[in-house]
Amino acid sequence: MSQPNVPVFFVPQQVAPRAEVSSSPSAAKPKPVVDSWRKLGLPLQLHAFPPATREQLATAHARAYVDAVLDLEEDNGFYNRSSAVAASLPYTTGSFVAATLHVLQHGGAAASPTSGFHHASHASGGGFCTFNGLAVAALRALQEGCRKLAILDCDAHFGDGTHDILSRTGHLGKQVLHYTRGSPHYRGGPEGAPAFLAHLPALLSQWKDEGVELVLYQAGADPHVDDPVGCRFLTTAQLHERDRAVFGACARLGLPVAWNLAGGYQEDAGRWPASIRKVLDIHDNTLRACAEAFVR
């Protein structure tokens, strides 16, 4: 697959105010990420998109939970009831759904500069996650005719919320394959990095043989060896190698891939967003790897 640019699904509304999510920079980083990407000189095309509706969120979540969070009657995944955070959440999921539908229709790769999905379960949030955009996008893709897809979750943490939702809907291991931390290829430290990196292309080839038609990829920055919340697993260079392995295999196999940012919690003292420069460097490398594999 080749394409003239990398579609990026971004609108300002998907950015949660930094002051409202001080426990995690992830929800406030979409704009700094996109600003950093624009400086790389790579061919990008920004796309607007509609927010996810309550009905769409309720395909993966209990409707009572969706309404309670958006009506500020229940805490969101940041453990507050901020109206500004609530306003951003439909756009966060909407961005990833839009990227997914784009590659389902056109092939290739598309980016959603979003985080905060995989710990959100059917009726609760936590771990900086409120609504599970991975699950909502996966279920929407199936509704649109995709017969089988895979979620490749390379965030540092186990995607317990995704597992919960897919199990409840009956799709786990059938129409939706789910790879997340907790696989036997994760060894909990840098010594496991070579096996993990070698496994990714083989896994994608296996999925292609099993009939997978679409990949949803969480390119988390928090497996970094210096991340205070992650698993201290991969160097910056190895994270770049991870992304090159994933995108290279998807391009070679003809697998459309929609991807997002997920976690990344390194932060130095100083003014925002310069304080997350190390995380932005990792996300810059993910975009470079995507463009290298798909843009011609």
C-alpha atoms as a PDB file:
ATOM      1  CA  MET A   1       0.000   0.000   0.000  1.00  0.00           C
ATOM      2  CA  SER A   2       1.207   3.511  -0.760  1.00  0.00           C
ATOM      3  CA  GLN A   3      -0.327   6.897  -0.104  1.00  0.00           C
ATOM      4  CA  PRO A   4       0.661  10.532  -0.695  1.00  0.00           C
ATOM      5  CA  ASN A   5       0.498  11.593   2.956  1.00  0.00           C
ATOM      6  CA  VAL A   6      -0.364  10.483   6.480  1.00  0.00           C
ATOM      7  CA  PRO A   7      -3.953  11.407   7.382  1.00  0.00           C
ATOM      8  CA  VAL A   8      -4.108  12.821  10.922  1.00  0.00           C
ATOM      9  CA  PHE A   9      -7.507  13.157  12.603  1.00  0.00           C
ATOM     10  CA  PHE A  10      -7.193  16.160  14.865  1.00  0.00           C
ATOM     11  CA  VAL A  11      -9.400  19.000  16.064  1.00  0.00           C
ATOM     12  CA  PRO A  12      -8.711  21.270  19.050  1.00  0.00           C
ATOM     13  CA  GLN A  13     -11.780  19.963  20.882  1.00  0.00           C
ATOM     14  CA  GLN A  14     -10.079  16.611  21.556  1.00  0.00           C
ATOM     15  CA  VAL A  15      -7.511  18.254  23.837  1.00  0.00           C
ATOM     16  CA  ALA A  16      -8.295  18.162  27.553  1.00  0.00           C
ATOM     17  CA  PRO A  17      -7.022  21.190  29.504  1.00  0.00           C
ATOM     18  CA  ARG A  18      -3.691  20.504  31.178  1.00  0.00           C
ATOM     19  CA  ALA A  19      -4.936  21.929  34.476  1.00  0.00           C
ATOM     20  CA  GLU A  20      -7.789  19.398  34.556  1.00  0.00           C
ATOM     21  CA  VAL A  21      -5.612  16.315  33.951  1.00  0.00           C
ATOM     22  CA  SER A  22      -2.474  17.180  35.904  1.00  0.00           C
ATOM     23  CA  SER A  23      -2.122  13.539  36.982  1.00  0.00           C
ATOM     24  CA  SER A  24      -1.460  12.577  33.353  1.00  0.00           C
ATOM     25  CA  PRO A  25      -0.080  14.695  30.520  1.00  0.00           C
ATOM     26  CA  SER A  26      -1.469  12.263  27.935  1.00  0.00           C
ATOM     27  CA  ALA A  27      -4.899  13.835  27.526  1.00  0.00           C
ATOM     28  CA  ALA A  28      -3.389  17.279  27.011  1.00  0.00           C
ATOM     29  CA  LYS A  29      -0.712  16.226  24.537  1.00  0.00           C
ATOM     30  CA  PRO A  30      -2.572  15.908  21.176  1.00  0.00           C
ATOM     31  CA  LYS A  31      -1.887  19.536  20.220  1.00  0.00           C
ATOM     32  CA  PRO A  32       1.801  19.483  21.227  1.00  0.00           C
ATOM     33  CA  VAL A  33       2.169  16.214  19.335  1.00  0.00           C
ATOM     34  CA  VAL A  34       0.585  17.605  16.176  1.00  0.00           C
ATOM     35  CA  ASP A  35       2.617  20.803  16.502  1.00  0.00           C
ATOM     36  CA  SER A  36       5.777  18.707  16.747  1.00  0.00           C
ATOM     37  CA  TRP A  37       4.744  16.549  13.783  1.00  0.00           C
ATOM     38  CA  ARG A  38       4.214  19.640  11.638  1.00  0.00           C
ATOM     39  CA  LYS A  39       7.859  20.620  12.178  1.00  0.00           C
ATOM     40  CA  LEU A  40       9.199  17.308  10.837  1.00  0.00           C
ATOM     41  CA  GLY A  41       8.634  18.189   7.199  1.00  0.00           C
ATOM     42  CA  LEU A  42       6.669  15.004   6.538  1.00  0.00           C
ATOM     43  CA  PRO A  43       3.555  15.006   4.316  1.00  0.00           C
ATOM     44  CA  LEU A  44       0.554  15.232   6.638  1.00  0.00           C
ATOM     45  CA  GLN A  45      -3.090  15.931   5.930  1.00  0.00           C
ATOM     46  CA  LEU A  46      -5.205  17.075   8.872  1.00  0.00           C
ATOM     47  CA  HIS A  47      -8.823  15.930   8.887  1.00  0.00           C
ATOM     48  CA  ALA A  48     -11.746  17.146  10.955  1.00  0.00           C
ATOM     49  CA  PHE A  49     -14.288  14.619  12.191  1.00  0.00           C
ATOM     50  CA  PRO A  50     -17.508  14.439  14.215  1.00  0.00           C
ATOM     51  CA  PRO A  51     -17.472  13.563  17.913  1.00  0.00           C
ATOM     52  CA  ALA A  52     -18.662  10.134  18.936  1.00  0.00           C
ATOM     53  CA  THR A  53     -22.317  10.211  19.951  1.00  0.00           C
ATOM     54  CA  ARG A  54     -23.631   8.778  23.173  1.00  0.00           C
ATOM     55  CA  GLU A  55     -25.223   6.002  21.161  1.00  0.00           C
ATOM     56  CA  GLN A  56     -21.872   5.129  19.576  1.00  0.00           C
ATOM     57  CA  LEU A  57     -20.106   5.121  22.952  1.00  0.00           C
ATOM     58  CA  ALA A  58     -22.861   2.843  24.267  1.00  0.00           C
ATOM     59  CA  THR A  59     -21.960   0.144  21.743  1.00  0.00           C
ATOM     60  CA  ALA A  60     -19.009  -0.615  24.038  1.00  0.00           C
ATOM     61  CA  HIS A  61     -20.162   0.867  27.349  1.00  0.00           C
ATOM     62  CA  ALA A  62     -23.225   0.758  29.559  1.00  0.00           C
ATOM     63  CA  ARG A  63     -25.452   3.645  28.502  1.00  0.00           C
ATOM     64  CA  ALA A  64     -25.962   4.634  32.139  1.00  0.00           C
ATOM     65  CA  TYR A  65     -22.181   4.993  32.546  1.00  0.00           C
ATOM     66  CA  VAL A  66     -21.852   7.072  29.365  1.00  0.00           C
ATOM     67  CA  ASP A  67     -24.618   9.423  30.442  1.00  0.00           C
ATOM     68  CA  ALA A  68     -23.333   9.724  34.013  1.00  0.00           C
ATOM     69  CA  VAL A  69     -19.832  10.723  32.910  1.00  0.00           C
ATOM     70  CA  LEU A  70     -20.957  13.189  30.241  1.00  0.00           C
ATOM     71  CA  ASP A  71     -23.587  14.673  32.580  1.00  0.00           C
ATOM     72  CA  LEU A  72     -20.936  15.083  35.306  1.00  0.00           C
ATOM     73  CA  GLU A  73     -22.727  12.721  37.674  1.00  0.00           C
ATOM     74  CA  GLU A  74     -19.831  10.230  37.844  1.00  0.00           C
ATOM     75  CA  ASP A  75     -16.053  10.595  37.833  1.00  0.00           C
ATOM     76  CA  ASN A  76     -14.235  10.294  34.539  1.00  0.00           C
ATOM     77  CA  GLY A  77     -11.030   8.267  34.159  1.00  0.00           C
ATOM     78  CA  PHE A  78      -9.025  11.161  35.661  1.00  0.00           C
ATOM     79  CA  TYR A  79     -11.007  10.860  38.897  1.00  0.00           C
ATOM     80  CA  ASN A  80     -12.771  14.204  38.539  1.00  0.00           C
ATOM     81  CA  ARG A  81     -15.994  15.616  37.127  1.00  0.00           C
ATOM     82  CA  SER A  82     -14.530  18.348  34.995  1.00  0.00           C
ATOM     83  CA  SER A  83     -16.895  19.716  32.371  1.00  0.00           C
ATOM     84  CA  ALA A  84     -13.904  20.528  30.140  1.00  0.00           C
ATOM     85  CA  VAL A  85     -12.668  16.935  30.250  1.00  0.00           C
ATOM     86  CA  ALA A  86     -16.178  15.631  29.576  1.00  0.00           C
ATOM     87  CA  ALA A  87     -16.456  17.893  26.540  1.00  0.00           C
ATOM     88  CA  SER A  88     -13.213  16.484  25.089  1.00  0.00           C
ATOM     89  CA  LEU A  89     -14.052  12.806  25.504  1.00  0.00           C
ATOM     90  CA  PRO A  90     -16.435  12.329  22.536  1.00  0.00           C
ATOM     91  CA  TYR A  91     -13.799  13.894  20.285  1.00  0.00           C
ATOM     92  CA  THR A  92     -11.059  11.631  21.613  1.00  0.00           C
ATOM     93  CA  THR A  93     -12.991   8.528  20.632  1.00  0.00           C
ATOM     94  CA  GLY A  94     -14.332  10.217  17.498  1.00  0.00           C
ATOM     95  CA  SER A  95     -10.780  10.820  16.273  1.00  0.00           C
ATOM     96  CA  PHE A  96      -9.833   7.163  16.502  1.00  0.00           C
ATOM     97  CA  VAL A  97     -13.112   5.985  14.986  1.00  0.00           C
ATOM     98  CA  ALA A  98     -12.573   8.383  12.075  1.00  0.00           C
ATOM     99  CA  ALA A  99      -9.016   7.121  11.503  1.00  0.00           C
ATOM    100  CA  THR A 100     -10.297   3.548  11.582  1.00  0.00           C
ATOM    101  CA  LEU A 101     -13.080   4.188   9.071  1.00  0.00           C
ATOM    102  CA  HIS A 102     -10.653   6.030   6.800  1.00  0.00           C
ATOM    103  CA  VAL A 103      -8.241   3.108   6.473  1.00  0.00           C
ATOM    104  CA  LEU A 104     -11.110   0.629   6.282  1.00  0.00           C
ATOM    105  CA  GLN A 105     -12.320   2.487   3.186  1.00  0.00           C
ATOM    106  CA  HIS A 106      -9.050   3.647   1.638  1.00  0.00           C
ATOM    107  CA  GLY A 107      -6.404   1.289   3.007  1.00  0.00           C
ATOM    108  CA  GLY A 108      -2.990   2.417   4.173  1.00  0.00           C
ATOM    109  CA  ALA A 109      -2.339   4.066   7.523  1.00  0.00           C
ATOM    110  CA  ALA A 110      -3.948   6.926   9.472  1.00  0.00           C
ATOM    111  CA  ALA A 111      -3.106   8.564  12.794  1.00  0.00           C
ATOM    112  CA  SER A 112      -5.258   9.602  15.724  1.00  0.00           C
ATOM    113  CA  PRO A 113      -3.223  11.699  18.189  1.00  0.00           C
ATOM    114  CA  THR A 114      -5.149  10.384  21.175  1.00  0.00           C
ATOM    115  CA  SER A 115      -4.673   8.508  24.430  1.00  0.00           C
ATOM    116  CA  GLY A 116      -6.788   7.205  27.272  1.00  0.00           C
ATOM    117  CA  PHE A 117      -8.590   4.102  26.002  1.00  0.00           C
ATOM    118  CA  HIS A 118      -7.577   0.647  27.142  1.00  0.00           C
ATOM    119  CA  HIS A 119      -8.337   0.740  30.896  1.00  0.00           C
ATOM    120  CA  ALA A 120     -11.923   1.853  30.273  1.00  0.00           C
ATOM    121  CA  SER A 121     -14.186  -1.156  30.748  1.00  0.00           C
ATOM    122  CA  HIS A 122     -17.880  -1.693  30.045  1.00  0.00           C
ATOM    123  CA  ALA A 123     -19.164   0.341  32.985  1.00  0.00           C
ATOM    124  CA  SER A 124     -16.201   2.120  34.557  1.00  0.00           C
ATOM    125  CA  GLY A 125     -13.088   4.136  33.849  1.00  0.00           C
ATOM    126  CA  GLY A 126      -9.733   4.597  35.533  1.00  0.00           C
ATOM    127  CA  GLY A 127      -6.036   4.737  34.839  1.00  0.00           C
ATOM    128  CA  PHE A 128      -6.537   7.985  32.864  1.00  0.00           C
ATOM    129  CA  CYS A 129      -9.044   6.199  30.578  1.00  0.00           C
ATOM    130  CA  THR A 130     -12.772   6.978  30.401  1.00  0.00           C
ATOM    131  CA  PHE A 131     -14.202   5.637  27.132  1.00  0.00           C
ATOM    132  CA  ASN A 132     -12.538   2.838  25.195  1.00  0.00           C
ATOM    133  CA  GLY A 133     -11.984   4.204  21.712  1.00  0.00           C
ATOM    134  CA  LEU A 134     -10.258   0.979  20.690  1.00  0.00           C
ATOM    135  CA  ALA A 135     -13.363  -1.066  21.416  1.00  0.00           C
ATOM    136  CA  VAL A 136     -15.762   1.501  19.956  1.00  0.00           C
ATOM    137  CA  ALA A 137     -13.718   1.667  16.746  1.00  0.00           C
ATOM    138  CA  ALA A 138     -13.409  -2.117  16.523  1.00  0.00           C
ATOM    139  CA  LEU A 139     -17.158  -2.622  16.900  1.00  0.00           C
ATOM    140  CA  ARG A 140     -17.857   0.130  14.373  1.00  0.00           C
ATOM    141  CA  ALA A 141     -15.484  -1.500  11.864  1.00  0.00           C
ATOM    142  CA  LEU A 142     -17.379  -4.777  12.224  1.00  0.00           C
ATOM    143  CA  GLN A 143     -20.656  -2.944  11.668  1.00  0.00           C
ATOM    144  CA  GLU A 144     -19.180  -1.454   8.483  1.00  0.00           C
ATOM    145  CA  GLY A 145     -18.368  -4.869   7.050  1.00  0.00           C
ATOM    146  CA  CYS A 146     -14.896  -5.726   8.347  1.00  0.00           C
ATOM    147  CA  ARG A 147     -14.958  -9.474   8.957  1.00  0.00           C
ATOM    148  CA  LYS A 148     -11.975  -9.734  11.304  1.00  0.00           C
ATOM    149  CA  LEU A 149      -9.567  -7.258  12.870  1.00  0.00           C
ATOM    150  CA  ALA A 150      -6.794  -7.153  15.439  1.00  0.00           C
ATOM    151  CA  ILE A 151      -5.877  -4.741  18.208  1.00  0.00           C
ATOM    152  CA  LEU A 152      -2.117  -4.500  18.695  1.00  0.00           C
ATOM    153  CA  ASP A 153      -1.755  -2.749  22.049  1.00  0.00           C
ATOM    154  CA  CYS A 154       1.889  -1.801  22.606  1.00  0.00           C
ATOM    155  CA  ASP A 155       1.230   0.486  25.533  1.00  0.00           C
ATOM    156  CA  ALA A 156       3.162  -0.575  28.638  1.00  0.00           C
ATOM    157  CA  HIS A 157       0.111  -1.789  30.522  1.00  0.00           C
ATOM    158  CA  PHE A 158      -2.391  -4.598  30.140  1.00  0.00           C
ATOM    159  CA  GLY A 159      -5.502  -3.537  28.234  1.00  0.00           C
ATOM    160  CA  ASP A 160      -7.911  -4.829  30.836  1.00  0.00           C
ATOM    161  CA  GLY A 161     -10.794  -2.607  29.783  1.00  0.00           C
ATOM    162  CA  THR A 162     -10.532  -3.670  26.141  1.00  0.00           C
ATOM    163  CA  HIS A 163     -10.464  -7.318  27.220  1.00  0.00           C
ATOM    164  CA  ASP A 164     -13.570  -6.785  29.373  1.00  0.00           C
ATOM    165  CA  ILE A 165     -15.603  -5.125  26.607  1.00  0.00           C
ATOM    166  CA  LEU A 166     -14.656  -7.586  23.876  1.00  0.00           C
ATOM    167  CA  SER A 167     -15.408 -10.506  26.188  1.00  0.00           C
ATOM    168  CA  ARG A 168     -18.836  -9.103  27.022  1.00  0.00           C
ATOM    169  CA  THR A 169     -19.701  -8.523  23.378  1.00  0.00           C
ATOM    170  CA  GLY A 170     -18.553 -12.018  22.407  1.00  0.00           C
ATOM    171  CA  HIS A 171     -15.969 -10.820  19.879  1.00  0.00           C
ATOM    172  CA  LEU A 172     -12.743 -11.548  21.784  1.00  0.00           C
ATOM    173  CA  GLY A 173     -10.621 -14.100  19.949  1.00  0.00           C
ATOM    174  CA  LYS A 174     -13.230 -14.485  17.215  1.00  0.00           C
ATOM    175  CA  GLN A 175     -13.814 -11.383  15.106  1.00  0.00           C
ATOM    176  CA  VAL A 176     -11.390  -9.293  17.175  1.00  0.00           C
ATOM    177  CA  LEU A 177      -7.923 -10.531  18.141  1.00  0.00           C
ATOM    178  CA  HIS A 178      -6.308  -8.684  21.045  1.00  0.00           C
ATOM    179  CA  TYR A 179      -2.579  -8.529  21.765  1.00  0.00           C
ATOM    180  CA  THR A 180      -1.604  -6.574  24.856  1.00  0.00           C
ATOM    181  CA  ARG A 181       1.035  -6.542  27.545  1.00  0.00           C
ATOM    182  CA  GLY A 182       0.780  -9.825  29.418  1.00  0.00           C
ATOM    183  CA  SER A 183       1.707 -11.873  26.369  1.00  0.00           C
ATOM    184  CA  PRO A 184       4.447 -14.483  26.855  1.00  0.00           C
ATOM    185  CA  HIS A 185       6.776 -12.289  24.815  1.00  0.00           C
ATOM    186  CA  TYR A 186       6.777  -9.616  27.499  1.00  0.00           C
ATOM    187  CA  ARG A 187       9.596 -10.253  29.944  1.00  0.00           C
ATOM    188  CA  GLY A 188       9.303  -7.238  32.220  1.00  0.00           C
ATOM    189  CA  GLY A 189      12.671  -5.680  31.447  1.00  0.00           C
ATOM    190  CA  PRO A 190      15.174  -4.724  28.744  1.00  0.00           C
ATOM    191  CA  GLU A 191      16.360  -8.318  28.411  1.00  0.00           C
ATOM    192  CA  GLY A 192      13.070  -9.185  26.730  1.00  0.00           C
ATOM    193  CA  ALA A 193      13.301  -6.459  24.079  1.00  0.00           C
ATOM    194  CA  PRO A 194      14.920  -8.489  21.251  1.00  0.00           C
ATOM    195  CA  ALA A 195      12.334 -11.268  21.466  1.00  0.00           C
ATOM    196  CA  PHE A 196       9.490  -8.759  21.601  1.00  0.00           C
ATOM    197  CA  LEU A 197      10.725  -6.823  18.578  1.00  0.00           C
ATOM    198  CA  ALA A 198      11.313  -9.982  16.567  1.00  0.00           C
ATOM    199  CA  HIS A 199       7.859 -11.291  17.441  1.00  0.00           C
ATOM    200  CA  LEU A 200       5.858  -8.356  16.042  1.00  0.00           C
ATOM    201  CA  PRO A 201       6.315  -9.011  12.284  1.00  0.00           C
ATOM    202  CA  ALA A 202       5.692 -12.716  12.841  1.00  0.00           C
ATOM    203  CA  LEU A 203       2.510 -11.933  14.778  1.00  0.00           C
ATOM    204  CA  LEU A 204       1.203  -9.670  12.023  1.00  0.00           C
ATOM    205  CA  SER A 205       1.948 -12.329   9.398  1.00  0.00           C
ATOM    206  CA  GLN A 206       0.075 -14.862  11.502  1.00  0.00           C
ATOM    207  CA  TRP A 207      -2.899 -12.521  11.787  1.00  0.00           C
ATOM    208  CA  LYS A 208      -2.931 -12.001   8.030  1.00  0.00           C
ATOM    209  CA  ASP A 209      -3.005 -15.768   7.541  1.00  0.00           C
ATOM    210  CA  GLU A 210      -5.911 -15.971   9.996  1.00  0.00           C
ATOM    211  CA  GLY A 211      -8.007 -13.551   7.959  1.00  0.00           C
ATOM    212  CA  VAL A 212      -7.372 -10.250   9.752  1.00  0.00           C
ATOM    213  CA  GLU A 213      -8.344  -7.331   7.515  1.00  0.00           C
ATOM    214  CA  LEU A 214      -7.547  -4.352   9.745  1.00  0.00           C
ATOM    215  CA  VAL A 215      -5.097  -3.506  12.543  1.00  0.00           C
ATOM    216  CA  LEU A 216      -5.686  -1.003  15.353  1.00  0.00           C
ATOM    217  CA  TYR A 217      -2.281  -0.099  16.790  1.00  0.00           C
ATOM    218  CA  GLN A 218      -1.573   1.575  20.129  1.00  0.00           C
ATOM    219  CA  ALA A 219       1.957   2.948  19.807  1.00  0.00           C
ATOM    220  CA  GLY A 220       2.484   3.734  23.483  1.00  0.00           C
ATOM    221  CA  ALA A 221       5.514   5.754  24.579  1.00  0.00           C
ATOM    222  CA  ASP A 222       5.442   4.413  28.136  1.00  0.00           C
ATOM    223  CA  PRO A 223       7.417   1.179  27.544  1.00  0.00           C
ATOM    224  CA  HIS A 224      10.448   3.507  27.566  1.00  0.00           C
ATOM    225  CA  VAL A 225      13.274   2.597  29.943  1.00  0.00           C
ATOM    226  CA  ASP A 226      12.954   5.977  31.706  1.00  0.00           C
ATOM    227  CA  ASP A 227       9.175   6.202  31.934  1.00  0.00           C
ATOM    228  CA  PRO A 228       8.060   6.616  35.575  1.00  0.00           C
ATOM    229  CA  VAL A 229       4.751   4.785  35.051  1.00  0.00           C
ATOM    230  CA  GLY A 230       5.647   2.300  32.326  1.00  0.00           C
ATOM    231  CA  CYS A 231       7.501  -0.999  32.263  1.00  0.00           C
ATOM    232  CA  ARG A 232      11.041   0.343  31.616  1.00  0.00           C
ATOM    233  CA  PHE A 233      11.406  -1.985  28.676  1.00  0.00           C
ATOM    234  CA  LEU A 234      12.602  -0.272  25.472  1.00  0.00           C
ATOM    235  CA  THR A 235      15.000   2.538  24.584  1.00  0.00           C
ATOM    236  CA  THR A 236      13.985   5.369  22.275  1.00  0.00           C
ATOM    237  CA  ALA A 237      15.779   3.620  19.419  1.00  0.00           C
ATOM    238  CA  GLN A 238      14.031   0.327  20.197  1.00  0.00           C
ATOM    239  CA  LEU A 239      10.620   2.024  20.304  1.00  0.00           C
ATOM    240  CA  HIS A 240      11.402   3.408  16.845  1.00  0.00           C
ATOM    241  CA  GLU A 241      12.370  -0.119  15.773  1.00  0.00           C
ATOM    242  CA  ARG A 242       9.059  -1.390  17.182  1.00  0.00           C
ATOM    243  CA  ASP A 243       7.116   1.107  15.086  1.00  0.00           C
ATOM    244  CA  ARG A 244       9.131   0.368  11.962  1.00  0.00           C
ATOM    245  CA  ALA A 245       8.490  -3.347  12.476  1.00  0.00           C
ATOM    246  CA  VAL A 246       4.737  -2.840  12.841  1.00  0.00           C
ATOM    247  CA  PHE A 247       4.238  -0.400   9.967  1.00  0.00           C
ATOM    248  CA  GLY A 248       6.669  -2.225   7.700  1.00  0.00           C
ATOM    249  CA  ALA A 249       4.857  -5.511   8.216  1.00  0.00           C
ATOM    250  CA  CYS A 250       1.419  -3.920   7.725  1.00  0.00           C
ATOM    251  CA  ALA A 251       2.529  -2.272   4.481  1.00  0.00           C
ATOM    252  CA  ARG A 252       4.144  -5.469   3.202  1.00  0.00           C
ATOM    253  CA  LEU A 253       1.091  -7.584   4.083  1.00  0.00           C
ATOM    254  CA  GLY A 254      -1.469  -5.093   2.801  1.00  0.00           C
ATOM    255  CA  LEU A 255      -3.017  -4.597   6.240  1.00  0.00           C
ATOM    256  CA  PRO A 256      -4.663  -1.206   6.808  1.00  0.00           C
ATOM    257  CA  VAL A 257      -3.645   0.269  10.167  1.00  0.00           C
ATOM    258  CA  ALA A 258      -5.146   3.019  12.305  1.00  0.00           C
ATOM    259  CA  TRP A 259      -2.931   4.079  15.187  1.00  0.00           C
ATOM    260  CA  ASN A 260      -2.905   6.277  18.263  1.00  0.00           C
ATOM    261  CA  LEU A 261      -0.503   7.489  20.941  1.00  0.00           C
ATOM    262  CA  ALA A 262      -1.549   5.833  24.224  1.00  0.00           C
ATOM    263  CA  GLY A 263       0.676   6.384  27.286  1.00  0.00           C
ATOM    264  CA  GLY A 264       3.880   8.312  27.871  1.00  0.00           C
ATOM    265  CA  TYR A 265       4.630   9.953  31.220  1.00  0.00           C
ATOM    266  CA  GLN A 266       8.195  11.240  31.138  1.00  0.00           C
ATOM    267  CA  GLU A 267       8.132  14.885  32.132  1.00  0.00           C
ATOM    268  CA  ASP A 268      10.957  17.219  33.042  1.00  0.00           C
ATOM    269  CA  ALA A 269      10.708  20.364  35.110  1.00  0.00           C
ATOM    270  CA  GLY A 270       9.914  23.398  33.038  1.00  0.00           C
ATOM    271  CA  ARG A 271       7.237  25.006  30.929  1.00  0.00           C
ATOM    272  CA  TRP A 272       4.543  22.911  29.229  1.00  0.00           C
ATOM    273  CA  PRO A 273       4.798  21.423  26.617  1.00  0.00           C
ATOM    274  CA  ALA A 274       8.597  21.570  26.484  1.00  0.00           C
ATOM    275  CA  SER A 275       8.562  19.453  29.630  1.00  0.00           C
ATOM    276  CA  ILE A 276       7.383  16.399  27.629  1.00  0.00           C
ATOM    277  CA  ARG A 277       9.975  16.729  24.861  1.00  0.00           C
ATOM    278  CA  LYS A 278      11.219  13.151  25.405  1.00  0.00           C
ATOM    279  CA  VAL A 279       7.697  11.803  24.890  1.00  0.00           C
ATOM    280  CA  LEU A 280       7.198  13.993  21.824  1.00  0.00           C
ATOM    281  CA  ASP A 281      10.434  12.590  20.373  1.00  0.00           C
ATOM    282  CA  ILE A 282       9.009   9.063  20.670  1.00  0.00           C
ATOM    283  CA  HIS A 283       5.760  10.073  18.980  1.00  0.00           C
ATOM    284  CA  ASP A 284       7.749  11.873  16.266  1.00  0.00           C
ATOM    285  CA  ASN A 285       9.543   8.610  15.552  1.00  0.00           C
ATOM    286  CA  THR A 286       6.228   6.766  15.270  1.00  0.00           C
ATOM    287  CA  LEU A 287       5.092   9.182  12.582  1.00  0.00           C
ATOM    288  CA  ARG A 288       8.443   8.846  10.808  1.00  0.00           C
ATOM    289  CA  ALA A 289       8.072   5.055  10.793  1.00  0.00           C
ATOM    290  CA  CYS A 290       4.514   5.303   9.438  1.00  0.00           C
ATOM    291  CA  ALA A 291       5.538   7.659   6.640  1.00  0.00           C
ATOM    292  CA  GLU A 292       8.582   5.533   5.781  1.00  0.00           C
ATOM    293  CA  ALA A 293       6.408   2.457   5.323  1.00  0.00           C
ATOM    294  CA  PHE A 294       3.384   3.959   3.569  1.00  0.00           C
ATOM    295  CA  VAL A 295       4.077   7.313   1.934  1.00  0.00           C
ATOM    296  CA  ARG A 296       5.337   7.185  -1.662  1.00  0.00           C
END
